[in-house]
Amino acid sequence: MSLTISDDLVKASGLSERELFLEIVLMLFRQEKISLGKASELMGLHRMQFQKLLADRDICVHYDVAEFQEDLKAL
């Protein structure tokens, strides 16, 4: 599924398309609708880069047991 955001909304926000997309991803992350891994993937960032972005904005990282187990498998 694709989401189309009107040019009017992008202009009204005063943000670039990427910045607006970032704000949407951050909102979903804060609401625990998407995981850290999914948010990083959507933004095309390494997980550590996304965590740095969160820290710069004083946003707490949600880290649950499932994500911990995923990290263990990756190691």
PDB file of N, CA and C in Angstrom:
ATOM      1  N   MET A   1       0.848  -1.178   0.000  1.00  0.00           N
ATOM      2  CA  MET A   1       0.000   0.000   0.000  1.00  0.00           C
ATOM      3  C   MET A   1       0.885   1.230   0.000  1.00  0.00           C
ATOM      4  N   SER A   2       0.498   2.191  -0.754  1.00  0.00           N
ATOM      5  CA  SER A   2       1.218   3.459  -0.811  1.00  0.00           C
ATOM      6  C   SER A   2       0.350   4.552  -0.225  1.00  0.00           C
ATOM      7  N   LEU A   3       0.989   5.514   0.364  1.00  0.00           N
ATOM      8  CA  LEU A   3       0.294   6.663   0.928  1.00  0.00           C
ATOM      9  C   LEU A   3       0.735   7.895   0.152  1.00  0.00           C
ATOM     10  N   THR A   4      -0.219   8.629  -0.343  1.00  0.00           N
ATOM     11  CA  THR A   4       0.090   9.850  -1.065  1.00  0.00           C
ATOM     12  C   THR A   4      -0.233  11.038  -0.175  1.00  0.00           C
ATOM     13  N   ILE A   5       0.753  11.888  -0.009  1.00  0.00           N
ATOM     14  CA  ILE A   5       0.568  13.105   0.783  1.00  0.00           C
ATOM     15  C   ILE A   5       0.544  14.268  -0.197  1.00  0.00           C
ATOM     16  N   SER A   6      -0.483  15.060  -0.114  1.00  0.00           N
ATOM     17  CA  SER A   6      -0.649  16.151  -1.077  1.00  0.00           C
ATOM     18  C   SER A   6       0.479  17.169  -0.949  1.00  0.00           C
ATOM     19  N   ASP A   7       0.785  17.793  -2.079  1.00  0.00           N
ATOM     20  CA  ASP A   7       1.788  18.856  -2.090  1.00  0.00           C
ATOM     21  C   ASP A   7       1.378  19.988  -1.159  1.00  0.00           C
ATOM     22  N   ASP A   8       0.060  20.242  -1.070  1.00  0.00           N
ATOM     23  CA  ASP A   8      -0.433  21.306  -0.186  1.00  0.00           C
ATOM     24  C   ASP A   8      -0.059  21.033   1.269  1.00  0.00           C
ATOM     25  N   LEU A   9      -0.183  19.767   1.687  1.00  0.00           N
ATOM     26  CA  LEU A   9       0.163  19.419   3.061  1.00  0.00           C
ATOM     27  C   LEU A   9       1.662  19.560   3.296  1.00  0.00           C
ATOM     28  N   VAL A  10       2.451  19.138   2.329  1.00  0.00           N
ATOM     29  CA  VAL A  10       3.912  19.275   2.453  1.00  0.00           C
ATOM     30  C   VAL A  10       4.274  20.749   2.563  1.00  0.00           C
ATOM     31  N   LYS A  11       3.701  21.560   1.702  1.00  0.00           N
ATOM     32  CA  LYS A  11       3.981  23.003   1.734  1.00  0.00           C
ATOM     33  C   LYS A  11       3.516  23.631   3.050  1.00  0.00           C
ATOM     34  N   ALA A  12       2.327  23.256   3.500  1.00  0.00           N
ATOM     35  CA  ALA A  12       1.775  23.823   4.732  1.00  0.00           C
ATOM     36  C   ALA A  12       2.622  23.457   5.944  1.00  0.00           C
ATOM     37  N   SER A  13       3.227  22.284   5.901  1.00  0.00           N
ATOM     38  CA  SER A  13       4.039  21.840   7.042  1.00  0.00           C
ATOM     39  C   SER A  13       5.360  22.600   7.127  1.00  0.00           C
ATOM     40  N   GLY A  14       5.810  23.122   5.995  1.00  0.00           N
ATOM     41  CA  GLY A  14       7.098  23.809   5.981  1.00  0.00           C
ATOM     42  C   GLY A  14       8.268  22.838   6.003  1.00  0.00           C
ATOM     43  N   LEU A  15       7.986  21.561   5.807  1.00  0.00           N
ATOM     44  CA  LEU A  15       9.015  20.524   5.845  1.00  0.00           C
ATOM     45  C   LEU A  15       9.235  19.967   4.447  1.00  0.00           C
ATOM     46  N   SER A  16      10.397  19.371   4.253  1.00  0.00           N
ATOM     47  CA  SER A  16      10.620  18.643   3.003  1.00  0.00           C
ATOM     48  C   SER A  16       9.838  17.330   3.084  1.00  0.00           C
ATOM     49  N   GLU A  17       9.719  16.642   1.967  1.00  0.00           N
ATOM     50  CA  GLU A  17       9.015  15.353   1.970  1.00  0.00           C
ATOM     51  C   GLU A  17       9.671  14.385   2.947  1.00  0.00           C
ATOM     52  N   ARG A  18      10.990  14.327   2.941  1.00  0.00           N
ATOM     53  CA  ARG A  18      11.718  13.414   3.839  1.00  0.00           C
ATOM     54  C   ARG A  18      11.504  13.797   5.301  1.00  0.00           C
ATOM     55  N   GLU A  19      11.539  15.096   5.602  1.00  0.00           N
ATOM     56  CA  GLU A  19      11.329  15.546   6.979  1.00  0.00           C
ATOM     57  C   GLU A  19       9.921  15.204   7.453  1.00  0.00           C
ATOM     58  N   LEU A  20       8.941  15.380   6.576  1.00  0.00           N
ATOM     59  CA  LEU A  20       7.559  15.058   6.935  1.00  0.00           C
ATOM     60  C   LEU A  20       7.406  13.559   7.161  1.00  0.00           C
ATOM     61  N   PHE A  21       8.037  12.754   6.300  1.00  0.00           N
ATOM     62  CA  PHE A  21       8.010  11.304   6.472  1.00  0.00           C
ATOM     63  C   PHE A  21       8.660  10.921   7.799  1.00  0.00           C
ATOM     64  N   LEU A  22       9.774  11.564   8.129  1.00  0.00           N
ATOM     65  CA  LEU A  22      10.444  11.309   9.411  1.00  0.00           C
ATOM     66  C   LEU A  22       9.504  11.607  10.571  1.00  0.00           C
ATOM     67  N   GLU A  23       8.798  12.713  10.512  1.00  0.00           N
ATOM     68  CA  GLU A  23       7.869  13.075  11.587  1.00  0.00           C
ATOM     69  C   GLU A  23       6.771  12.023  11.736  1.00  0.00           C
ATOM     70  N   ILE A  24       6.296  11.492  10.623  1.00  0.00           N
ATOM     71  CA  ILE A  24       5.267  10.445  10.674  1.00  0.00           C
ATOM     72  C   ILE A  24       5.843   9.183  11.311  1.00  0.00           C
ATOM     73  N   VAL A  25       7.040   8.795  10.887  1.00  0.00           N
ATOM     74  CA  VAL A  25       7.696   7.605  11.456  1.00  0.00           C
ATOM     75  C   VAL A  25       7.925   7.792  12.959  1.00  0.00           C
ATOM     76  N   LEU A  26       8.395   8.964  13.355  1.00  0.00           N
ATOM     77  CA  LEU A  26       8.630   9.231  14.781  1.00  0.00           C
ATOM     78  C   LEU A  26       7.329   9.174  15.580  1.00  0.00           C
ATOM     79  N   MET A  27       6.255   9.719  15.023  1.00  0.00           N
ATOM     80  CA  MET A  27       4.966   9.680  15.701  1.00  0.00           C
ATOM     81  C   MET A  27       4.518   8.232  15.920  1.00  0.00           C
ATOM     82  N   LEU A  28       4.638   7.419  14.876  1.00  0.00           N
ATOM     83  CA  LEU A  28       4.255   6.009  14.998  1.00  0.00           C
ATOM     84  C   LEU A  28       5.149   5.280  15.992  1.00  0.00           C
ATOM     85  N   PHE A  29       6.424   5.604  16.009  1.00  0.00           N
ATOM     86  CA  PHE A  29       7.345   4.982  16.969  1.00  0.00           C
ATOM     87  C   PHE A  29       6.977   5.386  18.394  1.00  0.00           C
ATOM     88  N   ARG A  30       6.745   6.670  18.617  1.00  0.00           N
ATOM     89  CA  ARG A  30       6.384   7.144  19.967  1.00  0.00           C
ATOM     90  C   ARG A  30       5.121   6.480  20.475  1.00  0.00           C
ATOM     91  N   GLN A  31       4.185   6.229  19.570  1.00  0.00           N
ATOM     92  CA  GLN A  31       2.924   5.597  19.946  1.00  0.00           C
ATOM     93  C   GLN A  31       3.040   4.074  20.009  1.00  0.00           C
ATOM     94  N   GLU A  32       4.254   3.573  19.811  1.00  0.00           N
ATOM     95  CA  GLU A  32       4.546   2.137  19.843  1.00  0.00           C
ATOM     96  C   GLU A  32       3.739   1.363  18.808  1.00  0.00           C
ATOM     97  N   LYS A  33       3.499   2.001  17.671  1.00  0.00           N
ATOM     98  CA  LYS A  33       2.811   1.353  16.552  1.00  0.00           C
ATOM     99  C   LYS A  33       3.807   0.628  15.655  1.00  0.00           C
ATOM    100  N   ILE A  34       5.059   1.097  15.658  1.00  0.00           N
ATOM    101  CA  ILE A  34       6.135   0.433  14.917  1.00  0.00           C
ATOM    102  C   ILE A  34       7.342   0.288  15.833  1.00  0.00           C
ATOM    103  N   SER A  35       8.143  -0.720  15.558  1.00  0.00           N
ATOM    104  CA  SER A  35       9.327  -1.007  16.378  1.00  0.00           C
ATOM    105  C   SER A  35      10.506  -0.128  15.962  1.00  0.00           C
ATOM    106  N   LEU A  36      11.534  -0.176  16.767  1.00  0.00           N
ATOM    107  CA  LEU A  36      12.771   0.528  16.459  1.00  0.00           C
ATOM    108  C   LEU A  36      13.344   0.029  15.139  1.00  0.00           C
ATOM    109  N   GLY A  37      13.350  -1.285  14.958  1.00  0.00           N
ATOM    110  CA  GLY A  37      13.873  -1.861  13.728  1.00  0.00           C
ATOM    111  C   GLY A  37      13.097  -1.425  12.505  1.00  0.00           C
ATOM    112  N   LYS A  38      11.779  -1.428  12.601  1.00  0.00           N
ATOM    113  CA  LYS A  38      10.929  -1.027  11.473  1.00  0.00           C
ATOM    114  C   LYS A  38      11.103   0.461  11.193  1.00  0.00           C
ATOM    115  N   ALA A  39      11.154   1.281  12.217  1.00  0.00           N
ATOM    116  CA  ALA A  39      11.341   2.719  12.029  1.00  0.00           C
ATOM    117  C   ALA A  39      12.687   2.992  11.351  1.00  0.00           C
ATOM    118  N   SER A  40      13.722   2.306  11.794  1.00  0.00           N
ATOM    119  CA  SER A  40      15.052   2.459  11.183  1.00  0.00           C
ATOM    120  C   SER A  40      15.005   2.059   9.716  1.00  0.00           C
ATOM    121  N   GLU A  41      14.372   0.940   9.451  1.00  0.00           N
ATOM    122  CA  GLU A  41      14.256   0.428   8.082  1.00  0.00           C
ATOM    123  C   GLU A  41      13.505   1.413   7.190  1.00  0.00           C
ATOM    124  N   LEU A  42      12.390   1.933   7.674  1.00  0.00           N
ATOM    125  CA  LEU A  42      11.603   2.878   6.884  1.00  0.00           C
ATOM    126  C   LEU A  42      12.402   4.129   6.536  1.00  0.00           C
ATOM    127  N   MET A  43      13.250   4.564   7.459  1.00  0.00           N
ATOM    128  CA  MET A  43      14.043   5.761   7.229  1.00  0.00           C
ATOM    129  C   MET A  43      15.330   5.467   6.458  1.00  0.00           C
ATOM    130  N   GLY A  44      15.624   4.174   6.262  1.00  0.00           N
ATOM    131  CA  GLY A  44      16.844   3.815   5.543  1.00  0.00           C
ATOM    132  C   GLY A  44      18.090   4.089   6.355  1.00  0.00           C
ATOM    133  N   LEU A  45      17.955   3.968   7.679  1.00  0.00           N
ATOM    134  CA  LEU A  45      19.073   4.228   8.586  1.00  0.00           C
ATOM    135  C   LEU A  45      19.457   2.956   9.334  1.00  0.00           C
ATOM    136  N   HIS A  46      20.724   2.862   9.694  1.00  0.00           N
ATOM    137  CA  HIS A  46      21.157   1.797  10.590  1.00  0.00           C
ATOM    138  C   HIS A  46      20.481   2.057  11.934  1.00  0.00           C
ATOM    139  N   ARG A  47      20.218   0.998  12.670  1.00  0.00           N
ATOM    140  CA  ARG A  47      19.523   1.134  13.953  1.00  0.00           C
ATOM    141  C   ARG A  47      20.215   2.131  14.893  1.00  0.00           C
ATOM    142  N   MET A  48      21.544   2.090  14.911  1.00  0.00           N
ATOM    143  CA  MET A  48      22.286   3.011  15.796  1.00  0.00           C
ATOM    144  C   MET A  48      22.111   4.467  15.342  1.00  0.00           C
ATOM    145  N   GLN A  49      22.047   4.691  14.038  1.00  0.00           N
ATOM    146  CA  GLN A  49      21.823   6.047  13.537  1.00  0.00           C
ATOM    147  C   GLN A  49      20.447   6.542  13.953  1.00  0.00           C
ATOM    148  N   PHE A  50      19.460   5.654  13.869  1.00  0.00           N
ATOM    149  CA  PHE A  50      18.108   6.042  14.262  1.00  0.00           C
ATOM    150  C   PHE A  50      18.041   6.293  15.765  1.00  0.00           C
ATOM    151  N   GLN A  51      18.743   5.476  16.544  1.00  0.00           N
ATOM    152  CA  GLN A  51      18.774   5.686  17.991  1.00  0.00           C
ATOM    153  C   GLN A  51      19.414   7.032  18.322  1.00  0.00           C
ATOM    154  N   LYS A  52      20.428   7.434  17.579  1.00  0.00           N
ATOM    155  CA  LYS A  52      21.061   8.742  17.780  1.00  0.00           C
ATOM    156  C   LYS A  52      20.053   9.847  17.482  1.00  0.00           C
ATOM    157  N   LEU A  53      19.297   9.682  16.404  1.00  0.00           N
ATOM    158  CA  LEU A  53      18.266  10.654  16.057  1.00  0.00           C
ATOM    159  C   LEU A  53      17.246  10.771  17.191  1.00  0.00           C
ATOM    160  N   LEU A  54      16.847   9.620  17.750  1.00  0.00           N
ATOM    161  CA  LEU A  54      15.903   9.634  18.876  1.00  0.00           C
ATOM    162  C   LEU A  54      16.502  10.365  20.070  1.00  0.00           C
ATOM    163  N   ALA A  55      17.758  10.070  20.374  1.00  0.00           N
ATOM    164  CA  ALA A  55      18.425  10.710  21.515  1.00  0.00           C
ATOM    165  C   ALA A  55      18.510  12.218  21.313  1.00  0.00           C
ATOM    166  N   ASP A  56      18.807  12.646  20.086  1.00  0.00           N
ATOM    167  CA  ASP A  56      18.889  14.084  19.799  1.00  0.00           C
ATOM    168  C   ASP A  56      17.558  14.789  20.028  1.00  0.00           C
ATOM    169  N   ARG A  57      16.465  14.036  19.922  1.00  0.00           N
ATOM    170  CA  ARG A  57      15.121  14.599  20.115  1.00  0.00           C
ATOM    171  C   ARG A  57      14.531  14.243  21.473  1.00  0.00           C
ATOM    172  N   ASP A  58      15.355  13.672  22.350  1.00  0.00           N
ATOM    173  CA  ASP A  58      14.913  13.260  23.695  1.00  0.00           C
ATOM    174  C   ASP A  58      13.721  12.313  23.649  1.00  0.00           C
ATOM    175  N   ILE A  59      13.754  11.373  22.717  1.00  0.00           N
ATOM    176  CA  ILE A  59      12.706  10.360  22.595  1.00  0.00           C
ATOM    177  C   ILE A  59      13.257   9.055  23.152  1.00  0.00           C
ATOM    178  N   CYS A  60      12.532   8.451  24.067  1.00  0.00           N
ATOM    179  CA  CYS A  60      12.967   7.205  24.689  1.00  0.00           C
ATOM    180  C   CYS A  60      12.849   6.047  23.708  1.00  0.00           C
ATOM    181  N   VAL A  61      13.805   5.140  23.803  1.00  0.00           N
ATOM    182  CA  VAL A  61      13.805   3.943  22.972  1.00  0.00           C
ATOM    183  C   VAL A  61      12.940   2.890  23.642  1.00  0.00           C
ATOM    184  N   HIS A  62      12.024   2.312  22.888  1.00  0.00           N
ATOM    185  CA  HIS A  62      11.219   1.193  23.374  1.00  0.00           C
ATOM    186  C   HIS A  62      11.974  -0.060  22.978  1.00  0.00           C
ATOM    187  N   TYR A  63      12.321  -0.845  23.926  1.00  0.00           N
ATOM    188  CA  TYR A  63      13.105  -2.040  23.639  1.00  0.00           C
ATOM    189  C   TYR A  63      12.471  -3.183  24.395  1.00  0.00           C
ATOM    190  N   ASP A  64      11.772  -4.040  23.667  1.00  0.00           N
ATOM    191  CA  ASP A  64      11.058  -5.123  24.337  1.00  0.00           C
ATOM    192  C   ASP A  64      11.787  -6.456  24.177  1.00  0.00           C
ATOM    193  N   VAL A  65      11.243  -7.484  24.762  1.00  0.00           N
ATOM    194  CA  VAL A  65      11.858  -8.808  24.759  1.00  0.00           C
ATOM    195  C   VAL A  65      12.013  -9.333  23.332  1.00  0.00           C
ATOM    196  N   ALA A  66      11.022  -9.127  22.499  1.00  0.00           N
ATOM    197  CA  ALA A  66      11.089  -9.615  21.113  1.00  0.00           C
ATOM    198  C   ALA A  66      12.257  -8.971  20.366  1.00  0.00           C
ATOM    199  N   GLU A  67      12.442  -7.668  20.560  1.00  0.00           N
ATOM    200  CA  GLU A  67      13.562  -6.985  19.904  1.00  0.00           C
ATOM    201  C   GLU A  67      14.892  -7.476  20.455  1.00  0.00           C
ATOM    202  N   PHE A  68      14.946  -7.729  21.748  1.00  0.00           N
ATOM    203  CA  PHE A  68      16.157  -8.273  22.362  1.00  0.00           C
ATOM    204  C   PHE A  68      16.492  -9.625  21.743  1.00  0.00           C
ATOM    205  N   GLN A  69      15.482 -10.463  21.569  1.00  0.00           N
ATOM    206  CA  GLN A  69      15.699 -11.784  20.978  1.00  0.00           C
ATOM    207  C   GLN A  69      16.145 -11.660  19.525  1.00  0.00           C
ATOM    208  N   GLU A  70      15.602 -10.703  18.788  1.00  0.00           N
ATOM    209  CA  GLU A  70      16.044 -10.463  17.420  1.00  0.00           C
ATOM    210  C   GLU A  70      17.509 -10.066  17.388  1.00  0.00           C
ATOM    211  N   ASP A  71      17.908  -9.190  18.320  1.00  0.00           N
ATOM    212  CA  ASP A  71      19.289  -8.769  18.393  1.00  0.00           C
ATOM    213  C   ASP A  71      20.218  -9.939  18.718  1.00  0.00           C
ATOM    214  N   LEU A  72      19.778 -10.800  19.623  1.00  0.00           N
ATOM    215  CA  LEU A  72      20.588 -11.972  19.954  1.00  0.00           C
ATOM    216  C   LEU A  72      20.783 -12.882  18.746  1.00  0.00           C
ATOM    217  N   LYS A  73      19.735 -13.069  17.966  1.00  0.00           N
ATOM    218  CA  LYS A  73      19.837 -13.890  16.749  1.00  0.00           C
ATOM    219  C   LYS A  73      20.819 -13.251  15.764  1.00  0.00           C
ATOM    220  N   ALA A  74      20.770 -11.938  15.660  1.00  0.00           N
ATOM    221  CA  ALA A  74      21.648 -11.233  14.720  1.00  0.00           C
ATOM    222  C   ALA A  74      23.117 -11.361  15.130  1.00  0.00           C
ATOM    223  N   LEU A  75      23.359 -11.457  16.422  1.00  0.00           N
ATOM    224  CA  LEU A  75      24.733 -11.586  16.892  1.00  0.00           C
ATOM    225  C   LEU A  75      25.237 -12.967  16.601  1.00  0.00           C
TER     226      LEU A  75
END
